Amino acid sequence: MITKEKVKKIVEKYIEEKKVSHTRLVDDAEKITLYKNKKIAYGGREGEIADLYAYGYLAMWTQEEKYFGVYVDAHTGELLYIMTPHWYIDIED
């Protein structure tokens, strides 16, 4: 299983490279949540059972800052999807 610090680096690299609009990232790696044996809710691996990390960032959503959660496979580091206030965004390679 990869570490929370590794998840933080993977997500931050993705956000930087893809120029994802955001106001700030969650700074503390301890706020990264691990979900064990959870069903992947969305995306290309929807329905599979896996260990997942959720790491967040904040972005402006109309006139207020909202939380967006990035879900990552805890064993491979694969980026799965971003949960938005209304739905999800599939992360493609």
PDB file of N, CA and C in Angstrom:
ATOM      1  N   MET A   1       0.860  -1.182   0.000  1.00  0.00           N
ATOM      2  CA  MET A   1       0.000   0.000   0.000  1.00  0.00           C
ATOM      3  C   MET A   1       0.900   1.238   0.000  1.00  0.00           C
ATOM      4  N   ILE A   2       0.515   2.225  -0.797  1.00  0.00           N
ATOM      5  CA  ILE A   2       1.311   3.454  -0.850  1.00  0.00           C
ATOM      6  C   ILE A   2       0.987   4.327   0.371  1.00  0.00           C
ATOM      7  N   THR A   3       1.853   5.275   0.655  1.00  0.00           N
ATOM      8  CA  THR A   3       1.676   6.142   1.817  1.00  0.00           C
ATOM      9  C   THR A   3       0.801   7.352   1.481  1.00  0.00           C
ATOM     10  N   LYS A   4       0.316   7.997   2.530  1.00  0.00           N
ATOM     11  CA  LYS A   4      -0.474   9.221   2.349  1.00  0.00           C
ATOM     12  C   LYS A   4       0.363  10.310   1.695  1.00  0.00           C
ATOM     13  N   GLU A   5       1.636  10.369   2.041  1.00  0.00           N
ATOM     14  CA  GLU A   5       2.523  11.371   1.442  1.00  0.00           C
ATOM     15  C   GLU A   5       2.664  11.141  -0.056  1.00  0.00           C
ATOM     16  N   LYS A   6       2.735   9.863  -0.466  1.00  0.00           N
ATOM     17  CA  LYS A   6       2.820   9.533  -1.894  1.00  0.00           C
ATOM     18  C   LYS A   6       1.530   9.930  -2.611  1.00  0.00           C
ATOM     19  N   VAL A   7       0.383   9.679  -1.971  1.00  0.00           N
ATOM     20  CA  VAL A   7      -0.908  10.077  -2.549  1.00  0.00           C
ATOM     21  C   VAL A   7      -0.926  11.584  -2.761  1.00  0.00           C
ATOM     22  N   LYS A   8      -0.477  12.316  -1.763  1.00  0.00           N
ATOM     23  CA  LYS A   8      -0.440  13.783  -1.846  1.00  0.00           C
ATOM     24  C   LYS A   8       0.383  14.227  -3.058  1.00  0.00           C
ATOM     25  N   LYS A   9       1.543  13.613  -3.259  1.00  0.00           N
ATOM     26  CA  LYS A   9       2.404  13.970  -4.395  1.00  0.00           C
ATOM     27  C   LYS A   9       1.750  13.622  -5.729  1.00  0.00           C
ATOM     28  N   ILE A  10       1.114  12.457  -5.808  1.00  0.00           N
ATOM     29  CA  ILE A  10       0.454  12.022  -7.048  1.00  0.00           C
ATOM     30  C   ILE A  10      -0.656  13.000  -7.430  1.00  0.00           C
ATOM     31  N   VAL A  11      -1.495  13.347  -6.467  1.00  0.00           N
ATOM     32  CA  VAL A  11      -2.621  14.244  -6.742  1.00  0.00           C
ATOM     33  C   VAL A  11      -2.128  15.646  -7.075  1.00  0.00           C
ATOM     34  N   GLU A  12      -1.172  16.151  -6.318  1.00  0.00           N
ATOM     35  CA  GLU A  12      -0.654  17.490  -6.593  1.00  0.00           C
ATOM     36  C   GLU A  12      -0.009  17.568  -7.969  1.00  0.00           C
ATOM     37  N   LYS A  13       0.690  16.519  -8.380  1.00  0.00           N
ATOM     38  CA  LYS A  13       1.295  16.480  -9.717  1.00  0.00           C
ATOM     39  C   LYS A  13       0.206  16.505 -10.787  1.00  0.00           C
ATOM     40  N   TYR A  14      -0.848  15.713 -10.591  1.00  0.00           N
ATOM     41  CA  TYR A  14      -1.959  15.693 -11.540  1.00  0.00           C
ATOM     42  C   TYR A  14      -2.599  17.075 -11.657  1.00  0.00           C
ATOM     43  N   ILE A  15      -2.876  17.702 -10.530  1.00  0.00           N
ATOM     44  CA  ILE A  15      -3.517  19.024 -10.526  1.00  0.00           C
ATOM     45  C   ILE A  15      -2.641  20.051 -11.248  1.00  0.00           C
ATOM     46  N   GLU A  16      -1.338  19.985 -10.998  1.00  0.00           N
ATOM     47  CA  GLU A  16      -0.412  20.921 -11.640  1.00  0.00           C
ATOM     48  C   GLU A  16      -0.309  20.664 -13.143  1.00  0.00           C
ATOM     49  N   GLU A  17      -0.109  19.411 -13.540  1.00  0.00           N
ATOM     50  CA  GLU A  17       0.069  19.077 -14.953  1.00  0.00           C
ATOM     51  C   GLU A  17      -1.187  19.314 -15.779  1.00  0.00           C
ATOM     52  N   LYS A  18      -2.341  19.023 -15.225  1.00  0.00           N
ATOM     53  CA  LYS A  18      -3.605  19.191 -15.953  1.00  0.00           C
ATOM     54  C   LYS A  18      -4.202  20.585 -15.784  1.00  0.00           C
ATOM     55  N   LYS A  19      -3.510  21.412 -15.002  1.00  0.00           N
ATOM     56  CA  LYS A  19      -3.949  22.791 -14.758  1.00  0.00           C
ATOM     57  C   LYS A  19      -5.390  22.838 -14.231  1.00  0.00           C
ATOM     58  N   VAL A  20      -5.651  21.984 -13.252  1.00  0.00           N
ATOM     59  CA  VAL A  20      -6.965  21.931 -12.617  1.00  0.00           C
ATOM     60  C   VAL A  20      -7.160  23.196 -11.796  1.00  0.00           C
ATOM     61  N   SER A  21      -8.229  23.899 -12.052  1.00  0.00           N
ATOM     62  CA  SER A  21      -8.517  25.135 -11.339  1.00  0.00           C
ATOM     63  C   SER A  21      -8.792  24.827  -9.867  1.00  0.00           C
ATOM     64  N   HIS A  22      -8.048  25.480  -8.993  1.00  0.00           N
ATOM     65  CA  HIS A  22      -8.248  25.288  -7.557  1.00  0.00           C
ATOM     66  C   HIS A  22      -7.753  26.506  -6.799  1.00  0.00           C
ATOM     67  N   THR A  23      -8.255  26.681  -5.592  1.00  0.00           N
ATOM     68  CA  THR A  23      -7.789  27.786  -4.763  1.00  0.00           C
ATOM     69  C   THR A  23      -6.743  27.331  -3.767  1.00  0.00           C
ATOM     70  N   ARG A  24      -6.890  26.093  -3.267  1.00  0.00           N
ATOM     71  CA  ARG A  24      -5.863  25.545  -2.381  1.00  0.00           C
ATOM     72  C   ARG A  24      -6.050  24.049  -2.213  1.00  0.00           C
ATOM     73  N   LEU A  25      -4.940  23.397  -1.856  1.00  0.00           N
ATOM     74  CA  LEU A  25      -4.931  21.969  -1.588  1.00  0.00           C
ATOM     75  C   LEU A  25      -5.009  21.746  -0.090  1.00  0.00           C
ATOM     76  N   VAL A  26      -5.494  20.591   0.312  1.00  0.00           N
ATOM     77  CA  VAL A  26      -5.457  20.221   1.722  1.00  0.00           C
ATOM     78  C   VAL A  26      -3.994  20.007   2.065  1.00  0.00           C
ATOM     79  N   ASP A  27      -3.479  20.770   3.017  1.00  0.00           N
ATOM     80  CA  ASP A  27      -2.054  20.752   3.327  1.00  0.00           C
ATOM     81  C   ASP A  27      -1.592  19.542   4.119  1.00  0.00           C
ATOM     82  N   ASP A  28      -2.389  19.106   5.043  1.00  0.00           N
ATOM     83  CA  ASP A  28      -1.985  18.085   5.989  1.00  0.00           C
ATOM     84  C   ASP A  28      -2.242  16.682   5.437  1.00  0.00           C
ATOM     85  N   ALA A  29      -1.175  15.894   5.276  1.00  0.00           N
ATOM     86  CA  ALA A  29      -1.332  14.523   4.766  1.00  0.00           C
ATOM     87  C   ALA A  29      -2.199  13.679   5.691  1.00  0.00           C
ATOM     88  N   GLU A  30      -2.282  14.042   6.968  1.00  0.00           N
ATOM     89  CA  GLU A  30      -3.114  13.290   7.904  1.00  0.00           C
ATOM     90  C   GLU A  30      -4.605  13.437   7.600  1.00  0.00           C
ATOM     91  N   LYS A  31      -4.973  14.426   6.794  1.00  0.00           N
ATOM     92  CA  LYS A  31      -6.375  14.608   6.424  1.00  0.00           C
ATOM     93  C   LYS A  31      -6.752  13.791   5.194  1.00  0.00           C
ATOM     94  N   ILE A  32      -5.809  13.025   4.678  1.00  0.00           N
ATOM     95  CA  ILE A  32      -6.088  12.100   3.590  1.00  0.00           C
ATOM     96  C   ILE A  32      -6.744  10.877   4.223  1.00  0.00           C
ATOM     97  N   THR A  33      -7.891  10.484   3.698  1.00  0.00           N
ATOM     98  CA  THR A  33      -8.668   9.405   4.300  1.00  0.00           C
ATOM     99  C   THR A  33      -8.470   8.100   3.541  1.00  0.00           C
ATOM    100  N   LEU A  34      -8.286   7.010   4.285  1.00  0.00           N
ATOM    101  CA  LEU A  34      -8.192   5.681   3.692  1.00  0.00           C
ATOM    102  C   LEU A  34      -9.509   4.944   3.911  1.00  0.00           C
ATOM    103  N   TYR A  35     -10.073   4.429   2.819  1.00  0.00           N
ATOM    104  CA  TYR A  35     -11.283   3.617   2.880  1.00  0.00           C
ATOM    105  C   TYR A  35     -10.900   2.205   2.448  1.00  0.00           C
ATOM    106  N   LYS A  36     -11.068   1.234   3.331  1.00  0.00           N
ATOM    107  CA  LYS A  36     -10.703  -0.146   3.015  1.00  0.00           C
ATOM    108  C   LYS A  36     -11.914  -0.927   2.505  1.00  0.00           C
ATOM    109  N   ASN A  37     -11.652  -1.746   1.497  1.00  0.00           N
ATOM    110  CA  ASN A  37     -12.675  -2.623   0.911  1.00  0.00           C
ATOM    111  C   ASN A  37     -13.954  -1.873   0.534  1.00  0.00           C
ATOM    112  N   LYS A  38     -13.783  -0.789  -0.190  1.00  0.00           N
ATOM    113  CA  LYS A  38     -14.929   0.014  -0.639  1.00  0.00           C
ATOM    114  C   LYS A  38     -15.195  -0.237  -2.115  1.00  0.00           C
ATOM    115  N   LYS A  39     -16.450  -0.154  -2.468  1.00  0.00           N
ATOM    116  CA  LYS A  39     -16.828  -0.271  -3.872  1.00  0.00           C
ATOM    117  C   LYS A  39     -16.482   1.043  -4.565  1.00  0.00           C
ATOM    118  N   ILE A  40     -15.801   0.945  -5.699  1.00  0.00           N
ATOM    119  CA  ILE A  40     -15.486   2.135  -6.477  1.00  0.00           C
ATOM    120  C   ILE A  40     -16.793   2.629  -7.078  1.00  0.00           C
ATOM    121  N   ALA A  41     -17.143   3.867  -6.764  1.00  0.00           N
ATOM    122  CA  ALA A  41     -18.472   4.389  -7.091  1.00  0.00           C
ATOM    123  C   ALA A  41     -18.635   4.835  -8.544  1.00  0.00           C
ATOM    124  N   TYR A  42     -17.563   5.297  -9.171  1.00  0.00           N
ATOM    125  CA  TYR A  42     -17.686   5.879 -10.508  1.00  0.00           C
ATOM    126  C   TYR A  42     -16.474   5.542 -11.361  1.00  0.00           C
ATOM    127  N   GLY A  43     -16.578   5.836 -12.631  1.00  0.00           N
ATOM    128  CA  GLY A  43     -15.442   5.731 -13.533  1.00  0.00           C
ATOM    129  C   GLY A  43     -15.267   4.359 -14.161  1.00  0.00           C
ATOM    130  N   GLY A  44     -14.121   4.167 -14.774  1.00  0.00           N
ATOM    131  CA  GLY A  44     -13.825   2.959 -15.517  1.00  0.00           C
ATOM    132  C   GLY A  44     -13.770   1.699 -14.678  1.00  0.00           C
ATOM    133  N   ARG A  45     -13.506   1.819 -13.398  1.00  0.00           N
ATOM    134  CA  ARG A  45     -13.446   0.647 -12.507  1.00  0.00           C
ATOM    135  C   ARG A  45     -14.665   0.572 -11.588  1.00  0.00           C
ATOM    136  N   GLU A  46     -15.717   1.248 -11.969  1.00  0.00           N
ATOM    137  CA  GLU A  46     -16.937   1.276 -11.159  1.00  0.00           C
ATOM    138  C   GLU A  46     -17.389  -0.131 -10.787  1.00  0.00           C
ATOM    139  N   GLY A  47     -17.715  -0.312  -9.510  1.00  0.00           N
ATOM    140  CA  GLY A  47     -18.210  -1.584  -9.025  1.00  0.00           C
ATOM    141  C   GLY A  47     -17.144  -2.484  -8.423  1.00  0.00           C
ATOM    142  N   GLU A  48     -15.875  -2.252  -8.738  1.00  0.00           N
ATOM    143  CA  GLU A  48     -14.804  -3.054  -8.154  1.00  0.00           C
ATOM    144  C   GLU A  48     -14.657  -2.724  -6.667  1.00  0.00           C
ATOM    145  N   ILE A  49     -14.183  -3.683  -5.902  1.00  0.00           N
ATOM    146  CA  ILE A  49     -13.884  -3.465  -4.490  1.00  0.00           C
ATOM    147  C   ILE A  49     -12.391  -3.189  -4.380  1.00  0.00           C
ATOM    148  N   ALA A  50     -12.027  -2.128  -3.678  1.00  0.00           N
ATOM    149  CA  ALA A  50     -10.617  -1.749  -3.549  1.00  0.00           C
ATOM    150  C   ALA A  50     -10.412  -0.922  -2.294  1.00  0.00           C
ATOM    151  N   ASP A  51      -9.144  -0.768  -1.917  1.00  0.00           N
ATOM    152  CA  ASP A  51      -8.769   0.165  -0.863  1.00  0.00           C
ATOM    153  C   ASP A  51      -8.513   1.503  -1.551  1.00  0.00           C
ATOM    154  N   LEU A  52      -9.128   2.566  -1.050  1.00  0.00           N
ATOM    155  CA  LEU A  52      -9.055   3.878  -1.696  1.00  0.00           C
ATOM    156  C   LEU A  52      -8.599   4.950  -0.726  1.00  0.00           C
ATOM    157  N   TYR A  53      -7.831   5.884  -1.249  1.00  0.00           N
ATOM    158  CA  TYR A  53      -7.523   7.106  -0.529  1.00  0.00           C
ATOM    159  C   TYR A  53      -8.367   8.222  -1.122  1.00  0.00           C
ATOM    160  N   ALA A  54      -8.796   9.140  -0.280  1.00  0.00           N
ATOM    161  CA  ALA A  54      -9.474  10.351  -0.741  1.00  0.00           C
ATOM    162  C   ALA A  54      -8.647  11.547  -0.276  1.00  0.00           C
ATOM    163  N   TYR A  55      -8.274  12.387  -1.227  1.00  0.00           N
ATOM    164  CA  TYR A  55      -7.474  13.583  -0.949  1.00  0.00           C
ATOM    165  C   TYR A  55      -8.179  14.764  -1.589  1.00  0.00           C
ATOM    166  N   GLY A  56      -8.229  15.883  -0.913  1.00  0.00           N
ATOM    167  CA  GLY A  56      -9.046  16.974  -1.405  1.00  0.00           C
ATOM    168  C   GLY A  56      -8.333  18.259  -1.744  1.00  0.00           C
ATOM    169  N   TYR A  57      -9.061  19.041  -2.502  1.00  0.00           N
ATOM    170  CA  TYR A  57      -8.654  20.415  -2.790  1.00  0.00           C
ATOM    171  C   TYR A  57      -9.902  21.268  -2.802  1.00  0.00           C
ATOM    172  N   LEU A  58      -9.696  22.560  -2.695  1.00  0.00           N
ATOM    173  CA  LEU A  58     -10.803  23.504  -2.705  1.00  0.00           C
ATOM    174  C   LEU A  58     -10.753  24.326  -3.980  1.00  0.00           C
ATOM    175  N   ALA A  59     -11.931  24.601  -4.513  1.00  0.00           N
ATOM    176  CA  ALA A  59     -12.030  25.405  -5.729  1.00  0.00           C
ATOM    177  C   ALA A  59     -13.251  26.311  -5.606  1.00  0.00           C
ATOM    178  N   MET A  60     -13.223  27.402  -6.336  1.00  0.00           N
ATOM    179  CA  MET A  60     -14.370  28.303  -6.330  1.00  0.00           C
ATOM    180  C   MET A  60     -15.505  27.652  -7.103  1.00  0.00           C
ATOM    181  N   TRP A  61     -16.655  27.636  -6.492  1.00  0.00           N
ATOM    182  CA  TRP A  61     -17.861  27.070  -7.087  1.00  0.00           C
ATOM    183  C   TRP A  61     -18.902  28.162  -6.969  1.00  0.00           C
ATOM    184  N   THR A  62     -19.205  28.800  -8.047  1.00  0.00           N
ATOM    185  CA  THR A  62     -20.003  30.033  -8.104  1.00  0.00           C
ATOM    186  C   THR A  62     -19.353  31.065  -7.196  1.00  0.00           C
ATOM    187  N   GLN A  63     -19.945  31.369  -6.047  1.00  0.00           N
ATOM    188  CA  GLN A  63     -19.387  32.426  -5.193  1.00  0.00           C
ATOM    189  C   GLN A  63     -18.770  31.911  -3.901  1.00  0.00           C
ATOM    190  N   GLU A  64     -18.600  30.617  -3.801  1.00  0.00           N
ATOM    191  CA  GLU A  64     -18.014  30.089  -2.573  1.00  0.00           C
ATOM    192  C   GLU A  64     -17.025  28.973  -2.875  1.00  0.00           C
ATOM    193  N   GLU A  65     -16.155  28.716  -1.918  1.00  0.00           N
ATOM    194  CA  GLU A  65     -15.168  27.669  -2.047  1.00  0.00           C
ATOM    195  C   GLU A  65     -15.809  26.322  -1.685  1.00  0.00           C
ATOM    196  N   LYS A  66     -15.612  25.330  -2.533  1.00  0.00           N
ATOM    197  CA  LYS A  66     -16.181  23.998  -2.296  1.00  0.00           C
ATOM    198  C   LYS A  66     -15.069  22.959  -2.315  1.00  0.00           C
ATOM    199  N   TYR A  67     -15.314  21.853  -1.615  1.00  0.00           N
ATOM    200  CA  TYR A  67     -14.369  20.748  -1.517  1.00  0.00           C
ATOM    201  C   TYR A  67     -14.560  19.781  -2.689  1.00  0.00           C
ATOM    202  N   PHE A  68     -13.458  19.356  -3.277  1.00  0.00           N
ATOM    203  CA  PHE A  68     -13.445  18.345  -4.329  1.00  0.00           C
ATOM    204  C   PHE A  68     -12.563  17.207  -3.834  1.00  0.00           C
ATOM    205  N   GLY A  69     -13.043  15.982  -3.895  1.00  0.00           N
ATOM    206  CA  GLY A  69     -12.266  14.838  -3.425  1.00  0.00           C
ATOM    207  C   GLY A  69     -11.711  14.037  -4.581  1.00  0.00           C
ATOM    208  N   VAL A  70     -10.413  13.782  -4.539  1.00  0.00           N
ATOM    209  CA  VAL A  70      -9.760  12.968  -5.560  1.00  0.00           C
ATOM    210  C   VAL A  70      -9.566  11.572  -4.974  1.00  0.00           C
ATOM    211  N   TYR A  71     -10.071  10.555  -5.657  1.00  0.00           N
ATOM    212  CA  TYR A  71      -9.984   9.183  -5.175  1.00  0.00           C
ATOM    213  C   TYR A  71      -8.862   8.447  -5.898  1.00  0.00           C
ATOM    214  N   VAL A  72      -8.036   7.760  -5.102  1.00  0.00           N
ATOM    215  CA  VAL A  72      -6.826   7.114  -5.598  1.00  0.00           C
ATOM    216  C   VAL A  72      -6.793   5.671  -5.093  1.00  0.00           C
ATOM    217  N   ASP A  73      -6.420   4.734  -5.971  1.00  0.00           N
ATOM    218  CA  ASP A  73      -6.247   3.346  -5.552  1.00  0.00           C
ATOM    219  C   ASP A  73      -5.086   3.290  -4.555  1.00  0.00           C
ATOM    220  N   ALA A  74      -5.323   2.725  -3.377  1.00  0.00           N
ATOM    221  CA  ALA A  74      -4.333   2.736  -2.298  1.00  0.00           C
ATOM    222  C   ALA A  74      -3.159   1.794  -2.538  1.00  0.00           C
ATOM    223  N   HIS A  75      -3.290   0.884  -3.479  1.00  0.00           N
ATOM    224  CA  HIS A  75      -2.205  -0.059  -3.749  1.00  0.00           C
ATOM    225  C   HIS A  75      -1.376   0.336  -4.961  1.00  0.00           C
ATOM    226  N   THR A  76      -2.030   0.874  -5.978  1.00  0.00           N
ATOM    227  CA  THR A  76      -1.321   1.180  -7.226  1.00  0.00           C
ATOM    228  C   THR A  76      -1.028   2.667  -7.414  1.00  0.00           C
ATOM    229  N   GLY A  77      -1.768   3.531  -6.705  1.00  0.00           N
ATOM    230  CA  GLY A  77      -1.620   4.967  -6.913  1.00  0.00           C
ATOM    231  C   GLY A  77      -2.394   5.479  -8.119  1.00  0.00           C
ATOM    232  N   GLU A  78      -3.215   4.625  -8.716  1.00  0.00           N
ATOM    233  CA  GLU A  78      -4.005   5.025  -9.883  1.00  0.00           C
ATOM    234  C   GLU A  78      -5.047   6.067  -9.477  1.00  0.00           C
ATOM    235  N   LEU A  79      -5.087   7.164 -10.217  1.00  0.00           N
ATOM    236  CA  LEU A  79      -6.109   8.182 -10.005  1.00  0.00           C
ATOM    237  C   LEU A  79      -7.413   7.672 -10.604  1.00  0.00           C
ATOM    238  N   LEU A  80      -8.487   7.682  -9.835  1.00  0.00           N
ATOM    239  CA  LEU A  80      -9.745   7.094 -10.280  1.00  0.00           C
ATOM    240  C   LEU A  80     -10.752   8.135 -10.743  1.00  0.00           C
ATOM    241  N   TYR A  81     -11.124   9.051  -9.860  1.00  0.00           N
ATOM    242  CA  TYR A  81     -12.090  10.083 -10.220  1.00  0.00           C
ATOM    243  C   TYR A  81     -12.047  11.211  -9.194  1.00  0.00           C
ATOM    244  N   ILE A  82     -12.652  12.344  -9.578  1.00  0.00           N
ATOM    245  CA  ILE A  82     -12.783  13.502  -8.698  1.00  0.00           C
ATOM    246  C   ILE A  82     -14.258  13.654  -8.370  1.00  0.00           C
ATOM    247  N   MET A  83     -14.560  13.696  -7.098  1.00  0.00           N
ATOM    248  CA  MET A  83     -15.944  13.910  -6.661  1.00  0.00           C
ATOM    249  C   MET A  83     -16.167  15.407  -6.538  1.00  0.00           C
ATOM    250  N   THR A  84     -17.160  15.920  -7.236  1.00  0.00           N
ATOM    251  CA  THR A  84     -17.480  17.346  -7.215  1.00  0.00           C
ATOM    252  C   THR A  84     -18.724  17.560  -6.349  1.00  0.00           C
ATOM    253  N   PRO A  85     -19.121  18.803  -6.112  1.00  0.00           N
ATOM    254  CA  PRO A  85     -20.336  19.030  -5.327  1.00  0.00           C
ATOM    255  C   PRO A  85     -21.603  18.443  -5.962  1.00  0.00           C
ATOM    256  N   HIS A  86     -21.598  18.218  -7.284  1.00  0.00           N
ATOM    257  CA  HIS A  86     -22.805  17.723  -7.942  1.00  0.00           C
ATOM    258  C   HIS A  86     -22.671  16.356  -8.596  1.00  0.00           C
ATOM    259  N   TRP A  87     -21.475  15.909  -8.903  1.00  0.00           N
ATOM    260  CA  TRP A  87     -21.300  14.637  -9.586  1.00  0.00           C
ATOM    261  C   TRP A  87     -19.861  14.228  -9.503  1.00  0.00           C
ATOM    262  N   TYR A  88     -19.322  13.640 -10.550  1.00  0.00           N
ATOM    263  CA  TYR A  88     -17.922  13.242 -10.541  1.00  0.00           C
ATOM    264  C   TYR A  88     -17.287  13.550 -11.887  1.00  0.00           C
ATOM    265  N   ILE A  89     -15.952  13.570 -11.895  1.00  0.00           N
ATOM    266  CA  ILE A  89     -15.183  13.744 -13.120  1.00  0.00           C
ATOM    267  C   ILE A  89     -14.298  12.515 -13.234  1.00  0.00           C
ATOM    268  N   ASP A  90     -14.419  11.787 -14.323  1.00  0.00           N
ATOM    269  CA  ASP A  90     -13.588  10.610 -14.549  1.00  0.00           C
ATOM    270  C   ASP A  90     -12.181  11.066 -14.897  1.00  0.00           C
ATOM    271  N   ILE A  91     -11.185  10.451 -14.289  1.00  0.00           N
ATOM    272  CA  ILE A  91      -9.793  10.788 -14.596  1.00  0.00           C
ATOM    273  C   ILE A  91      -9.303   9.788 -15.617  1.00  0.00           C
ATOM    274  N   GLU A  92      -8.918  10.282 -16.777  1.00  0.00           N
ATOM    275  CA  GLU A  92      -8.401   9.425 -17.842  1.00  0.00           C
ATOM    276  C   GLU A  92      -6.910   9.628 -17.949  1.00  0.00           C
ATOM    277  N   ASP A  93      -6.205   8.577 -18.350  1.00  0.00           N
ATOM    278  CA  ASP A  93      -4.749   8.681 -18.532  1.00  0.00           C
ATOM    279  C   ASP A  93      -4.413   9.557 -19.705  1.00  0.00           C
TER     280      ASP A  93
END
